[in-house]
Amino acid sequence: MHLLNNESAKGRLPHSDLPEAITDPRKILADGHPMPPSMDHLDELEAQSIYILREAFARLKKLALLWSLGKDSNVMIWLARKAFFGRVPFPALHVDTGKKFPEMYAFRDRFGKEWELDLRVEPCPPIDSVDPTLPPAARSAARKTEGLKLALNKFGFDGLIAGIRRDEEATRAKERVFSPRGLEGEWDVRDQPPEFWDHFNASPPPGAHLRIHPILHWTEADIWAYTKRENIPIIPLYLAQDGKRYRSLGDQDITNPVASTASSIDEILTELENTKVPERAGRALDHETEDAFERLRVAGYL
């Protein structure tokens, strides 16, 4: 333990003058001032995510943030704005299937301007270009993978920031914070770098890219609690209407609402404490063959 010498003790408050609540020497800094209050859970999550975003920005040459328009990527944009003093310094990329809900497009058009994003909207190819052996919903979702590959070739990004979480789906639980991809965007789940003590491998192979996941350690409840605390705008589809709401938003033709009466964020948080329904229960993709989602992710899907 570092001990104070006589010089460093000058100017310190006498022990007897300290308020009773901070007389514990473990709570006093070396200059004699009390330690600031400890960070709460959301502060810790935010600090870690901001560290990851800044680390990616410092170590990669050409970044983009993937904006799916949902609650997770909206929190991610909010964190990026905090990390870089109010403005996101890299493009926000929306790989657009053309099949999102009208409320999602309205949200993108409004907040892309209000948040002063460098918004890049890139279309997905037709479904005929997608692997025909995939189940119907997975094949529809795979258009995003092909659209993302086209965007990578067009802009030459070496880092893509994505808003996935480990608690969201079993395959995503295997991810790393800095996740290397192959030359075609493929993911080798059996060959991933270790990440001990926040030391990240931020060097993609030539011609390949990294996926950076700054909210990988968050939960669905964390996302909603942080959204409430920060007053982050949300798409109204997340709130219950006529006994149903969307917990996860995707393409309109392969996304369904779940039974719910939660019409506010407080009610959503209460619901999450008690529900056993998975977050992605309304995604048709998650009800198809067991390996469909992993096949998509290995091929480069988010």
Protein backbone atom coordinates (compact mmCIF):
# COMPACT_ATOMS: atom_id res chain seq x y z
CA MET A 1 0.00 0.00 0.00
CA HIS A 2 1.29 3.50 -0.84
CA LEU A 3 2.01 5.46 2.35
CA LEU A 4 1.82 9.24 2.68
CA ASN A 5 4.99 11.12 3.60
CA ASN A 6 5.11 14.36 5.55
CA GLU A 7 5.09 16.53 2.43
CA SER A 8 2.08 14.85 0.92
CA ALA A 9 0.23 15.24 4.21
CA LYS A 10 0.41 19.03 4.14
CA GLY A 11 -2.91 20.72 3.61
CA ARG A 12 -4.91 17.69 4.66
CA LEU A 13 -7.89 18.14 6.90
CA PRO A 14 -7.36 17.00 10.46
CA HIS A 15 -9.04 13.67 11.09
CA SER A 16 -11.33 15.23 13.64
CA ASP A 17 -12.59 17.79 11.09
CA LEU A 18 -13.76 15.18 8.62
CA PRO A 19 -17.47 14.38 8.53
CA GLU A 20 -18.33 11.21 10.40
CA ALA A 21 -19.42 9.45 7.20
CA ILE A 22 -15.93 9.62 5.69
CA THR A 23 -13.62 9.05 8.64
CA ASP A 24 -12.81 5.59 7.30
CA PRO A 25 -9.24 6.12 5.93
CA ARG A 26 -10.00 3.77 3.02
CA LYS A 27 -12.43 6.39 1.71
CA ILE A 28 -9.94 9.31 1.79
CA LEU A 29 -7.74 10.21 -1.17
CA ALA A 30 -4.02 10.95 -0.79
CA ASP A 31 -4.67 14.71 -0.90
CA GLY A 32 -6.99 14.48 2.09
CA HIS A 33 -10.22 14.87 0.15
CA PRO A 34 -13.02 12.31 0.40
CA MET A 35 -13.39 9.83 -2.44
CA PRO A 36 -16.29 10.53 -4.79
CA PRO A 37 -19.34 8.30 -4.46
CA SER A 38 -18.83 4.90 -6.07
CA MET A 39 -20.32 4.38 -9.52
CA ASP A 40 -23.60 2.55 -9.73
CA HIS A 41 -24.22 -0.37 -12.07
CA LEU A 42 -25.30 1.77 -15.04
CA ASP A 43 -22.32 4.09 -14.60
CA GLU A 44 -19.99 1.09 -14.72
CA LEU A 45 -21.63 -0.26 -17.86
CA GLU A 46 -21.47 3.15 -19.51
CA ALA A 47 -17.80 3.65 -18.59
CA GLN A 48 -16.80 0.24 -19.97
CA SER A 49 -18.69 0.82 -23.22
CA ILE A 50 -17.16 4.27 -23.70
CA TYR A 51 -13.72 2.77 -23.11
CA ILE A 52 -14.38 0.16 -25.82
CA LEU A 53 -15.63 2.79 -28.29
CA ARG A 54 -12.60 5.02 -27.72
CA GLU A 55 -10.25 2.05 -27.96
CA ALA A 56 -11.75 1.11 -31.32
CA PHE A 57 -11.54 4.68 -32.60
CA ALA A 58 -7.90 4.98 -31.56
CA ARG A 59 -6.75 1.69 -33.03
CA LEU A 60 -8.71 1.24 -36.25
CA LYS A 61 -8.47 3.35 -39.37
CA LYS A 62 -11.98 3.35 -40.78
CA LEU A 63 -14.92 2.68 -38.48
CA ALA A 64 -18.68 2.60 -38.94
CA LEU A 65 -21.46 2.07 -36.44
CA LEU A 66 -24.20 -0.31 -37.55
CA TRP A 67 -27.56 1.31 -36.81
CA SER A 68 -30.43 -1.19 -36.86
CA LEU A 69 -32.79 1.48 -35.41
CA GLY A 70 -33.71 -0.70 -32.39
CA LYS A 71 -33.27 -0.04 -28.68
CA ASP A 72 -29.77 -1.51 -28.46
CA SER A 73 -28.23 0.38 -31.34
CA ASN A 74 -29.92 3.59 -30.16
CA VAL A 75 -28.23 3.18 -26.77
CA MET A 76 -24.98 2.51 -28.64
CA ILE A 77 -25.30 5.78 -30.58
CA TRP A 78 -26.04 7.58 -27.33
CA LEU A 79 -22.88 6.12 -25.80
CA ALA A 80 -20.84 7.09 -28.86
CA ARG A 81 -22.08 10.67 -28.59
CA LYS A 82 -21.00 10.71 -24.95
CA ALA A 83 -17.64 9.11 -25.75
CA PHE A 84 -16.82 11.76 -28.35
CA PHE A 85 -18.25 14.87 -26.70
CA GLY A 86 -21.61 15.10 -28.41
CA ARG A 87 -20.91 13.99 -31.96
CA VAL A 88 -20.33 10.54 -33.47
CA PRO A 89 -17.05 10.83 -35.43
CA PHE A 90 -17.72 7.93 -37.81
CA PRO A 91 -20.61 7.01 -40.13
CA ALA A 92 -23.81 5.39 -38.90
CA LEU A 93 -24.52 2.61 -41.39
CA HIS A 94 -28.05 1.31 -41.91
CA VAL A 95 -28.11 -1.82 -44.06
CA ASP A 96 -31.70 -1.49 -45.22
CA THR A 97 -33.82 -4.46 -46.25
CA GLY A 98 -36.66 -2.12 -47.23
CA LYS A 99 -38.96 -4.11 -44.93
CA LYS A 100 -38.74 -2.28 -41.61
CA PHE A 101 -41.78 -0.89 -39.82
CA PRO A 102 -42.86 2.64 -40.87
CA GLU A 103 -42.21 3.80 -37.29
CA MET A 104 -38.59 2.67 -37.61
CA TYR A 105 -38.02 4.65 -40.81
CA ALA A 106 -39.63 7.72 -39.24
CA PHE A 107 -37.32 7.35 -36.24
CA ARG A 108 -34.25 7.04 -38.51
CA ASP A 109 -35.16 10.09 -40.57
CA ARG A 110 -35.82 12.24 -37.51
CA PHE A 111 -32.96 11.30 -35.23
CA GLY A 112 -30.40 10.85 -37.97
CA LYS A 113 -30.77 14.63 -38.38
CA GLU A 114 -31.24 15.57 -34.72
CA TRP A 115 -28.17 13.59 -33.66
CA GLU A 116 -26.21 14.97 -36.65
CA LEU A 117 -25.19 11.51 -37.82
CA ASP A 118 -23.20 10.84 -40.96
CA LEU A 119 -25.93 8.43 -42.05
CA ARG A 120 -25.18 5.95 -44.81
CA VAL A 121 -28.17 3.89 -46.00
CA GLU A 122 -27.15 0.89 -48.07
CA PRO A 123 -29.73 -1.43 -49.71
CA CYS A 124 -29.76 -5.21 -49.49
CA PRO A 125 -29.75 -7.41 -52.61
CA PRO A 126 -32.86 -9.38 -53.61
CA ILE A 127 -33.58 -12.67 -51.90
CA ASP A 128 -32.59 -14.59 -55.05
CA SER A 129 -28.96 -13.87 -54.18
CA VAL A 130 -29.24 -15.62 -50.80
CA ASP A 131 -28.50 -19.26 -49.96
CA PRO A 132 -31.69 -21.17 -50.95
CA THR A 133 -31.01 -23.95 -48.42
CA LEU A 134 -31.78 -21.63 -45.49
CA PRO A 135 -35.26 -21.72 -43.89
CA PRO A 136 -37.60 -18.90 -45.06
CA ALA A 137 -37.10 -16.37 -42.22
CA ALA A 138 -33.35 -17.04 -42.03
CA ARG A 139 -33.09 -16.58 -45.79
CA SER A 140 -34.92 -13.27 -45.55
CA ALA A 141 -32.65 -12.13 -42.71
CA ALA A 142 -29.56 -13.22 -44.64
CA ARG A 143 -30.17 -10.39 -47.11
CA LYS A 144 -28.62 -8.13 -44.46
CA THR A 145 -25.45 -10.21 -44.51
CA GLU A 146 -25.13 -9.80 -48.27
CA GLY A 147 -25.96 -6.10 -48.03
CA LEU A 148 -23.32 -5.65 -45.36
CA LYS A 149 -20.69 -7.35 -47.55
CA LEU A 150 -21.52 -4.95 -50.37
CA ALA A 151 -21.21 -1.98 -48.01
CA LEU A 152 -17.84 -3.23 -46.75
CA ASN A 153 -16.56 -3.53 -50.31
CA LYS A 154 -17.90 -0.08 -51.15
CA PHE A 155 -16.49 1.84 -48.17
CA GLY A 156 -13.55 -0.29 -47.05
CA PHE A 157 -14.34 -0.23 -43.33
CA ASP A 158 -11.87 -2.12 -41.13
CA GLY A 159 -14.13 -1.93 -38.06
CA LEU A 160 -17.90 -2.27 -37.62
CA ILE A 161 -19.46 -1.37 -34.27
CA ALA A 162 -22.50 -3.55 -33.59
CA GLY A 163 -25.05 -3.51 -30.77
CA ILE A 164 -25.34 -7.19 -29.89
CA ARG A 165 -25.54 -8.54 -26.33
CA ARG A 166 -24.50 -11.90 -24.87
CA ASP A 167 -27.80 -12.42 -23.05
CA GLU A 168 -29.80 -11.94 -26.24
CA GLU A 169 -29.16 -15.27 -27.95
CA ALA A 170 -26.99 -18.34 -27.32
CA THR A 171 -24.76 -17.91 -30.37
CA ARG A 172 -24.07 -14.27 -29.51
CA ALA A 173 -23.00 -15.40 -26.03
CA LYS A 174 -19.89 -16.90 -27.67
CA GLU A 175 -18.75 -13.54 -29.05
CA ARG A 176 -15.75 -11.39 -28.16
CA VAL A 177 -15.74 -7.61 -27.70
CA PHE A 178 -13.27 -7.25 -30.60
CA SER A 179 -14.30 -10.05 -32.92
CA PRO A 180 -12.16 -10.76 -36.02
CA ARG A 181 -13.88 -11.59 -39.30
CA GLY A 182 -12.52 -13.33 -42.37
CA LEU A 183 -12.05 -11.86 -45.83
CA GLU A 184 -15.69 -12.59 -46.69
CA GLY A 185 -16.97 -11.42 -43.32
CA GLU A 186 -17.22 -14.95 -41.93
CA TRP A 187 -16.90 -15.67 -38.19
CA ASP A 188 -14.88 -18.63 -36.89
CA VAL A 189 -16.52 -19.36 -33.55
CA ARG A 190 -13.81 -21.92 -32.68
CA ASP A 191 -10.89 -19.55 -33.23
CA GLN A 192 -11.35 -16.37 -31.23
CA PRO A 193 -8.71 -14.32 -29.42
CA PRO A 194 -8.63 -14.29 -25.60
CA GLU A 195 -9.65 -11.02 -23.93
CA PHE A 196 -8.12 -10.88 -20.44
CA TRP A 197 -8.20 -7.73 -18.30
CA ASP A 198 -9.63 -5.60 -21.12
CA HIS A 199 -6.72 -6.26 -23.46
CA PHE A 200 -8.19 -6.45 -26.95
CA ASN A 201 -6.79 -7.63 -30.26
CA ALA A 202 -7.60 -4.70 -32.54
CA SER A 203 -5.59 -5.77 -35.58
CA PRO A 204 -7.72 -7.28 -38.32
CA PRO A 205 -6.01 -9.39 -41.01
CA PRO A 206 -5.28 -7.49 -44.25
CA GLY A 207 -8.47 -7.09 -46.24
CA ALA A 208 -10.68 -8.25 -43.34
CA HIS A 209 -12.41 -6.35 -40.54
CA LEU A 210 -13.27 -6.45 -36.85
CA ARG A 211 -16.70 -6.36 -35.27
CA ILE A 212 -16.66 -4.28 -32.09
CA HIS A 213 -19.37 -4.96 -29.51
CA PRO A 214 -19.45 -2.19 -26.87
CA ILE A 215 -22.66 -3.37 -25.17
CA LEU A 216 -21.91 -7.10 -25.24
CA HIS A 217 -21.89 -7.17 -21.42
CA TRP A 218 -25.28 -5.41 -21.03
CA THR A 219 -28.64 -7.12 -20.47
CA GLU A 220 -32.08 -6.28 -21.83
CA ALA A 221 -32.99 -4.80 -18.44
CA ASP A 222 -29.78 -2.72 -18.46
CA ILE A 223 -30.73 -1.29 -21.85
CA TRP A 224 -34.15 -0.21 -20.63
CA ALA A 225 -32.89 1.13 -17.29
CA TYR A 226 -30.24 3.19 -19.09
CA THR A 227 -32.76 4.38 -21.69
CA LYS A 228 -34.97 5.60 -18.88
CA ARG A 229 -32.15 7.29 -16.96
CA GLU A 230 -30.79 9.05 -20.04
CA ASN A 231 -34.23 9.79 -21.53
CA ILE A 232 -33.19 8.24 -24.85
CA PRO A 233 -35.95 8.38 -27.49
CA ILE A 234 -37.61 5.06 -28.30
CA ILE A 235 -39.78 3.69 -31.07
CA PRO A 236 -43.38 3.45 -29.76
CA LEU A 237 -43.71 -0.16 -30.97
CA TYR A 238 -41.83 -1.20 -27.82
CA LEU A 239 -44.79 -0.05 -25.69
CA ALA A 240 -47.93 -2.17 -25.35
CA GLN A 241 -51.00 -1.45 -27.43
CA ASP A 242 -54.09 -3.68 -27.27
CA GLY A 243 -52.29 -6.18 -25.05
CA LYS A 244 -49.20 -6.65 -27.24
CA ARG A 245 -45.80 -5.04 -27.76
CA TYR A 246 -42.56 -5.71 -29.60
CA ARG A 247 -39.57 -6.70 -27.48
CA SER A 248 -37.26 -6.98 -30.48
CA LEU A 249 -37.65 -5.16 -33.79
CA GLY A 250 -36.62 -6.48 -37.19
CA ASP A 251 -38.21 -6.82 -40.61
CA GLN A 252 -41.96 -6.37 -40.52
CA ASP A 253 -42.75 -9.67 -42.23
CA ILE A 254 -40.66 -11.84 -39.85
CA THR A 255 -41.20 -10.02 -36.53
CA ASN A 256 -44.23 -10.41 -34.27
CA PRO A 257 -45.36 -8.80 -31.01
CA VAL A 258 -45.60 -10.66 -27.72
CA ALA A 259 -48.41 -10.51 -25.16
CA SER A 260 -47.78 -7.60 -22.81
CA THR A 261 -49.48 -4.79 -20.91
CA ALA A 262 -46.25 -2.80 -20.37
CA SER A 263 -46.97 0.69 -21.69
CA SER A 264 -44.03 2.51 -20.06
CA ILE A 265 -40.37 1.79 -19.41
CA ASP A 266 -41.07 1.28 -15.71
CA GLU A 267 -43.67 -1.34 -16.60
CA ILE A 268 -41.25 -2.98 -19.06
CA LEU A 269 -38.64 -3.29 -16.29
CA THR A 270 -41.21 -4.82 -13.95
CA GLU A 271 -42.28 -7.23 -16.69
CA LEU A 272 -38.70 -8.32 -17.31
CA GLU A 273 -38.27 -9.23 -13.65
CA ASN A 274 -41.08 -11.76 -13.90
CA THR A 275 -41.26 -13.01 -17.48
CA LYS A 276 -39.84 -16.27 -18.75
CA VAL A 277 -40.54 -15.38 -22.38
CA PRO A 278 -37.27 -14.95 -24.36
CA GLU A 279 -36.51 -11.50 -25.76
CA ARG A 280 -36.49 -12.79 -29.33
CA ALA A 281 -39.71 -14.79 -28.98
CA GLY A 282 -41.32 -12.61 -31.65
CA ARG A 283 -38.59 -13.28 -34.23
CA ALA A 284 -39.61 -15.95 -36.74
CA LEU A 285 -35.93 -16.68 -37.35
CA ASP A 286 -35.53 -18.00 -33.80
CA HIS A 287 -38.27 -20.58 -34.29
CA GLU A 288 -36.76 -22.24 -37.34
CA THR A 289 -34.15 -25.02 -37.42
CA GLU A 290 -31.80 -25.11 -34.46
CA ASP A 291 -28.69 -24.26 -36.47
CA ALA A 292 -30.22 -21.55 -38.68
CA PHE A 293 -29.07 -18.60 -36.58
CA GLU A 294 -25.54 -19.96 -36.11
CA ARG A 295 -25.27 -20.58 -39.85
CA LEU A 296 -26.19 -16.95 -40.42
CA ARG A 297 -23.69 -15.67 -37.86
CA VAL A 298 -20.85 -17.82 -39.18
CA ALA A 299 -21.55 -16.33 -42.62
CA GLY A 300 -21.33 -12.78 -41.25
CA TYR A 301 -24.80 -11.95 -39.90
CA LEU A 302 -25.02 -9.67 -36.91
